Amino acid sequence: MSVRYDLDPSVTPELRDGLLTLWADVSNAGGAVGFVPPVTPEEIRPDLLRHLTAMAEGRERLVVGRDADGRVLATAFLALNSHRLMRHWLWVYTVMVHPSLQGQGAGRALMDAVDDAARSIDGITGIRLTCRGGTGISRFYAACGYKEVGRVPGAIKVADDDFRDDITMWRELH
């Protein structure tokens, strides 16, 4: 399936609903994107609204991947730094690829689109993200050129007896 990636799409009701559906699908398939299954789009809505507000205020940008019919299949939010000493890098949050596309190159294409978006912003020389330990996703990010630069053991609690490391990864843009 072909996925087209765009930076800063217009926020329409269709995009908003597509983001909610994708986020629920990814979460319910076990994706580490801020929730533990089962979760509904309504439970996710407040988190999405925070991202959309940040976009409207110019603090975040959105990379979204859609199929030929416009269905949202991948996404990543890019958060700009406001601190004067850190404006040269940005955070990437809520990186998601629909479960039906995993293992088919859509994730790599999304991260390439994230790189392109970051390079299009004046002065950005690095990208930082965090991921949940115990999922294997850090290997994917490493294959995309990120390196682990920090780890907080047990910082993420996914269940009463399940604590995961919070892994910080960095990609220098050249």
C-alpha atoms as a PDB file:
ATOM      1  CA  MET A   1       0.000   0.000   0.000  1.00  0.00           C
ATOM      2  CA  SER A   2       1.281   3.427  -0.897  1.00  0.00           C
ATOM      3  CA  VAL A   3       1.389   6.055   1.860  1.00  0.00           C
ATOM      4  CA  ARG A   4       1.859   9.774   1.158  1.00  0.00           C
ATOM      5  CA  TYR A   5       3.460  11.832   3.947  1.00  0.00           C
ATOM      6  CA  ASP A   6       2.622  15.503   4.444  1.00  0.00           C
ATOM      7  CA  LEU A   7       3.815  18.161   6.860  1.00  0.00           C
ATOM      8  CA  ASP A   8       1.292  20.455   8.543  1.00  0.00           C
ATOM      9  CA  PRO A   9      -1.944  19.284   6.896  1.00  0.00           C
ATOM     10  CA  SER A  10      -5.109  21.276   7.433  1.00  0.00           C
ATOM     11  CA  VAL A  11      -6.832  20.122  10.594  1.00  0.00           C
ATOM     12  CA  THR A  12     -10.256  19.000   9.466  1.00  0.00           C
ATOM     13  CA  PRO A  13     -12.826  16.866  11.279  1.00  0.00           C
ATOM     14  CA  GLU A  14     -11.774  13.987   8.990  1.00  0.00           C
ATOM     15  CA  LEU A  15      -8.113  14.363   9.985  1.00  0.00           C
ATOM     16  CA  ARG A  16      -8.995  14.635  13.676  1.00  0.00           C
ATOM     17  CA  ASP A  17     -11.180  11.526  13.517  1.00  0.00           C
ATOM     18  CA  GLY A  18      -8.526   9.678  11.508  1.00  0.00           C
ATOM     19  CA  LEU A  19      -5.885  10.515  14.116  1.00  0.00           C
ATOM     20  CA  LEU A  20      -8.157   9.285  16.914  1.00  0.00           C
ATOM     21  CA  THR A  21      -8.903   6.040  15.074  1.00  0.00           C
ATOM     22  CA  LEU A  22      -5.228   5.436  14.289  1.00  0.00           C
ATOM     23  CA  TRP A  23      -4.187   6.154  17.887  1.00  0.00           C
ATOM     24  CA  ALA A  24      -6.795   3.717  19.240  1.00  0.00           C
ATOM     25  CA  ASP A  25      -5.871   1.038  16.683  1.00  0.00           C
ATOM     26  CA  VAL A  26      -2.151   1.342  17.462  1.00  0.00           C
ATOM     27  CA  SER A  27      -2.742   1.374  21.233  1.00  0.00           C
ATOM     28  CA  ASN A  28      -5.089  -1.600  21.144  1.00  0.00           C
ATOM     29  CA  ALA A  29      -2.553  -3.559  19.071  1.00  0.00           C
ATOM     30  CA  GLY A  30      -0.024  -3.036  21.881  1.00  0.00           C
ATOM     31  CA  GLY A  31       1.741   0.046  20.525  1.00  0.00           C
ATOM     32  CA  ALA A  32       3.546   2.129  23.138  1.00  0.00           C
ATOM     33  CA  VAL A  33       1.922   5.496  22.430  1.00  0.00           C
ATOM     34  CA  GLY A  34       0.790   6.638  25.853  1.00  0.00           C
ATOM     35  CA  PHE A  35      -2.026   4.208  26.596  1.00  0.00           C
ATOM     36  CA  VAL A  36      -2.504   0.615  27.676  1.00  0.00           C
ATOM     37  CA  PRO A  37      -5.182  -1.425  25.896  1.00  0.00           C
ATOM     38  CA  PRO A  38      -8.069  -1.468  25.789  1.00  0.00           C
ATOM     39  CA  VAL A  39      -8.608   2.209  24.996  1.00  0.00           C
ATOM     40  CA  THR A  40     -11.272   4.094  23.055  1.00  0.00           C
ATOM     41  CA  PRO A  41     -10.961   7.151  20.834  1.00  0.00           C
ATOM     42  CA  GLU A  42     -12.896   9.129  23.448  1.00  0.00           C
ATOM     43  CA  GLU A  43     -10.249   8.319  26.074  1.00  0.00           C
ATOM     44  CA  ILE A  44      -7.550   9.470  23.653  1.00  0.00           C
ATOM     45  CA  ARG A  45      -9.337  12.688  22.612  1.00  0.00           C
ATOM     46  CA  PRO A  46      -7.910  14.933  25.420  1.00  0.00           C
ATOM     47  CA  ASP A  47      -4.333  13.987  24.466  1.00  0.00           C
ATOM     48  CA  LEU A  48      -5.013  14.671  20.792  1.00  0.00           C
ATOM     49  CA  LEU A  49      -6.612  18.020  21.632  1.00  0.00           C
ATOM     50  CA  ARG A  50      -3.440  19.024  23.519  1.00  0.00           C
ATOM     51  CA  HIS A  51      -1.397  18.274  20.388  1.00  0.00           C
ATOM     52  CA  LEU A  52      -3.836  20.138  18.140  1.00  0.00           C
ATOM     53  CA  THR A  53      -3.789  23.156  20.476  1.00  0.00           C
ATOM     54  CA  ALA A  54       0.011  23.169  20.427  1.00  0.00           C
ATOM     55  CA  MET A  55      -0.132  23.055  16.615  1.00  0.00           C
ATOM     56  CA  ALA A  56      -2.549  25.998  16.509  1.00  0.00           C
ATOM     57  CA  GLU A  57      -0.199  27.940  18.800  1.00  0.00           C
ATOM     58  CA  GLY A  58       2.826  27.141  16.591  1.00  0.00           C
ATOM     59  CA  ARG A  59       4.561  24.973  19.214  1.00  0.00           C
ATOM     60  CA  GLU A  60       4.116  21.676  17.342  1.00  0.00           C
ATOM     61  CA  ARG A  61       3.961  20.453  13.786  1.00  0.00           C
ATOM     62  CA  LEU A  62       2.448  17.294  12.347  1.00  0.00           C
ATOM     63  CA  VAL A  63       3.701  14.737   9.845  1.00  0.00           C
ATOM     64  CA  VAL A  64       0.831  12.552   8.677  1.00  0.00           C
ATOM     65  CA  GLY A  65       0.781   9.611   6.295  1.00  0.00           C
ATOM     66  CA  ARG A  66      -2.370   8.798   4.318  1.00  0.00           C
ATOM     67  CA  ASP A  67      -3.370   6.322   1.670  1.00  0.00           C
ATOM     68  CA  ALA A  68      -4.879   7.272  -1.697  1.00  0.00           C
ATOM     69  CA  ASP A  69      -8.334   7.470  -0.092  1.00  0.00           C
ATOM     70  CA  GLY A  70      -7.110   9.911   2.576  1.00  0.00           C
ATOM     71  CA  ARG A  71      -7.191   7.403   5.451  1.00  0.00           C
ATOM     72  CA  VAL A  72      -4.711   8.333   8.204  1.00  0.00           C
ATOM     73  CA  LEU A  73      -2.175   5.501   8.499  1.00  0.00           C
ATOM     74  CA  ALA A  74       0.859   7.094  10.170  1.00  0.00           C
ATOM     75  CA  THR A  75       1.739  10.139  12.214  1.00  0.00           C
ATOM     76  CA  ALA A  76       4.377  11.932  14.259  1.00  0.00           C
ATOM     77  CA  PHE A  77       4.173  15.228  16.143  1.00  0.00           C
ATOM     78  CA  LEU A  78       7.232  17.482  16.144  1.00  0.00           C
ATOM     79  CA  ALA A  79       7.504  19.718  19.213  1.00  0.00           C
ATOM     80  CA  LEU A  80       9.662  22.812  18.936  1.00  0.00           C
ATOM     81  CA  ASN A  81      11.746  23.979  21.877  1.00  0.00           C
ATOM     82  CA  SER A  82      11.128  27.432  23.273  1.00  0.00           C
ATOM     83  CA  HIS A  83      14.215  27.541  25.494  1.00  0.00           C
ATOM     84  CA  ARG A  84      16.865  29.769  23.927  1.00  0.00           C
ATOM     85  CA  LEU A  85      19.620  27.169  24.455  1.00  0.00           C
ATOM     86  CA  MET A  86      17.642  24.301  22.921  1.00  0.00           C
ATOM     87  CA  ARG A  87      15.993  25.786  19.852  1.00  0.00           C
ATOM     88  CA  HIS A  88      18.394  23.854  17.599  1.00  0.00           C
ATOM     89  CA  TRP A  89      16.636  20.523  18.193  1.00  0.00           C
ATOM     90  CA  LEU A  90      13.078  19.254  18.435  1.00  0.00           C
ATOM     91  CA  TRP A  91      11.138  16.431  20.100  1.00  0.00           C
ATOM     92  CA  VAL A  92       9.204  13.791  18.183  1.00  0.00           C
ATOM     93  CA  TYR A  93       6.089  12.454  19.912  1.00  0.00           C
ATOM     94  CA  THR A  94       3.338   9.943  19.208  1.00  0.00           C
ATOM     95  CA  VAL A  95       5.047   8.133  16.347  1.00  0.00           C
ATOM     96  CA  MET A  96       2.457   5.711  14.959  1.00  0.00           C
ATOM     97  CA  VAL A  97       2.040   3.405  11.984  1.00  0.00           C
ATOM     98  CA  HIS A  98      -1.178   1.458  11.522  1.00  0.00           C
ATOM     99  CA  PRO A  99      -0.673  -2.160  12.648  1.00  0.00           C
ATOM    100  CA  SER A 100      -1.648  -3.445   9.189  1.00  0.00           C
ATOM    101  CA  LEU A 101       1.391  -1.683   7.694  1.00  0.00           C
ATOM    102  CA  GLN A 102       4.049  -2.624  10.208  1.00  0.00           C
ATOM    103  CA  GLY A 103       6.977  -4.470   8.727  1.00  0.00           C
ATOM    104  CA  GLN A 104       6.285  -3.051   5.246  1.00  0.00           C
ATOM    105  CA  GLY A 105       8.540   0.029   5.315  1.00  0.00           C
ATOM    106  CA  ALA A 106       5.881   2.563   6.327  1.00  0.00           C
ATOM    107  CA  GLY A 107       7.635   3.263   9.639  1.00  0.00           C
ATOM    108  CA  ARG A 108      10.957   3.893   7.934  1.00  0.00           C
ATOM    109  CA  ALA A 109       9.215   6.159   5.417  1.00  0.00           C
ATOM    110  CA  LEU A 110       7.549   8.025   8.304  1.00  0.00           C
ATOM    111  CA  MET A 111      10.891   8.573  10.023  1.00  0.00           C
ATOM    112  CA  ASP A 112      12.375   9.783   6.707  1.00  0.00           C
ATOM    113  CA  ALA A 113       9.469  12.258   6.489  1.00  0.00           C
ATOM    114  CA  VAL A 114      10.216  13.348  10.068  1.00  0.00           C
ATOM    115  CA  ASP A 115      13.861  13.947   9.082  1.00  0.00           C
ATOM    116  CA  ASP A 116      12.767  15.951   6.030  1.00  0.00           C
ATOM    117  CA  ALA A 117      10.353  18.006   8.145  1.00  0.00           C
ATOM    118  CA  ALA A 118      13.005  18.720  10.771  1.00  0.00           C
ATOM    119  CA  ARG A 119      15.502  19.770   8.102  1.00  0.00           C
ATOM    120  CA  SER A 120      12.920  22.177   6.653  1.00  0.00           C
ATOM    121  CA  ILE A 121      12.815  24.134   9.927  1.00  0.00           C
ATOM    122  CA  ASP A 122      15.508  26.800  10.170  1.00  0.00           C
ATOM    123  CA  GLY A 123      18.226  25.977  12.662  1.00  0.00           C
ATOM    124  CA  ILE A 124      17.179  22.427  13.569  1.00  0.00           C
ATOM    125  CA  THR A 125      20.227  20.159  13.828  1.00  0.00           C
ATOM    126  CA  GLY A 126      18.913  17.291  15.946  1.00  0.00           C
ATOM    127  CA  ILE A 127      15.879  15.198  16.843  1.00  0.00           C
ATOM    128  CA  ARG A 128      15.111  13.699  20.232  1.00  0.00           C
ATOM    129  CA  LEU A 129      12.510  11.106  21.130  1.00  0.00           C
ATOM    130  CA  THR A 130      11.701   8.728  23.916  1.00  0.00           C
ATOM    131  CA  CYS A 131      10.396   5.196  23.717  1.00  0.00           C
ATOM    132  CA  ARG A 132       9.173   2.511  26.082  1.00  0.00           C
ATOM    133  CA  GLY A 133      11.640  -0.203  27.014  1.00  0.00           C
ATOM    134  CA  GLY A 134      10.687  -3.842  26.628  1.00  0.00           C
ATOM    135  CA  THR A 135       9.013  -3.307  23.264  1.00  0.00           C
ATOM    136  CA  GLY A 136      12.003  -3.659  20.944  1.00  0.00           C
ATOM    137  CA  ILE A 137      11.156  -0.348  19.276  1.00  0.00           C
ATOM    138  CA  SER A 138      14.548   1.145  20.183  1.00  0.00           C
ATOM    139  CA  ARG A 139      16.108  -1.252  17.632  1.00  0.00           C
ATOM    140  CA  PHE A 140      13.840   0.220  14.952  1.00  0.00           C
ATOM    141  CA  TYR A 141      14.879   3.768  15.860  1.00  0.00           C
ATOM    142  CA  ALA A 142      18.545   2.732  15.903  1.00  0.00           C
ATOM    143  CA  ALA A 143      18.109   1.368  12.360  1.00  0.00           C
ATOM    144  CA  CYS A 144      16.733   4.813  11.431  1.00  0.00           C
ATOM    145  CA  GLY A 145      19.910   6.523  12.660  1.00  0.00           C
ATOM    146  CA  TYR A 146      18.996   7.291  16.274  1.00  0.00           C
ATOM    147  CA  LYS A 147      21.289   6.394  19.145  1.00  0.00           C
ATOM    148  CA  GLU A 148      20.365   5.748  22.735  1.00  0.00           C
ATOM    149  CA  VAL A 149      21.627   8.607  24.907  1.00  0.00           C
ATOM    150  CA  GLY A 150      19.789   7.944  28.160  1.00  0.00           C
ATOM    151  CA  ARG A 151      17.609   5.551  30.075  1.00  0.00           C
ATOM    152  CA  VAL A 152      15.529   5.902  33.236  1.00  0.00           C
ATOM    153  CA  PRO A 153      14.882   2.432  34.652  1.00  0.00           C
ATOM    154  CA  GLY A 154      11.278   1.679  35.584  1.00  0.00           C
ATOM    155  CA  ALA A 155      10.025   5.182  34.769  1.00  0.00           C
ATOM    156  CA  ILE A 156       6.969   3.958  32.834  1.00  0.00           C
ATOM    157  CA  LYS A 157       4.289   2.044  34.719  1.00  0.00           C
ATOM    158  CA  VAL A 158       2.058   0.058  32.363  1.00  0.00           C
ATOM    159  CA  ALA A 159       0.539  -2.131  35.110  1.00  0.00           C
ATOM    160  CA  ASP A 160       0.843  -2.559  38.867  1.00  0.00           C
ATOM    161  CA  ASP A 161       3.671  -5.049  38.423  1.00  0.00           C
ATOM    162  CA  ASP A 162       5.033  -3.920  35.028  1.00  0.00           C
ATOM    163  CA  PHE A 163       7.528  -1.074  34.980  1.00  0.00           C
ATOM    164  CA  ARG A 164       9.449  -0.214  31.802  1.00  0.00           C
ATOM    165  CA  ASP A 165      12.510   1.888  31.089  1.00  0.00           C
ATOM    166  CA  ASP A 166      12.073   5.297  29.500  1.00  0.00           C
ATOM    167  CA  ILE A 167      14.679   5.355  26.716  1.00  0.00           C
ATOM    168  CA  THR A 168      15.887   8.650  25.245  1.00  0.00           C
ATOM    169  CA  MET A 169      17.197   8.544  21.685  1.00  0.00           C
ATOM    170  CA  TRP A 170      18.902  11.209  19.577  1.00  0.00           C
ATOM    171  CA  ARG A 171      19.488  11.752  15.880  1.00  0.00           C
ATOM    172  CA  GLU A 172      21.965  14.303  14.677  1.00  0.00           C
ATOM    173  CA  LEU A 173      20.933  15.829  11.356  1.00  0.00           C
ATOM    174  CA  HIS A 174      23.770  16.424   8.922  1.00  0.00           C
END
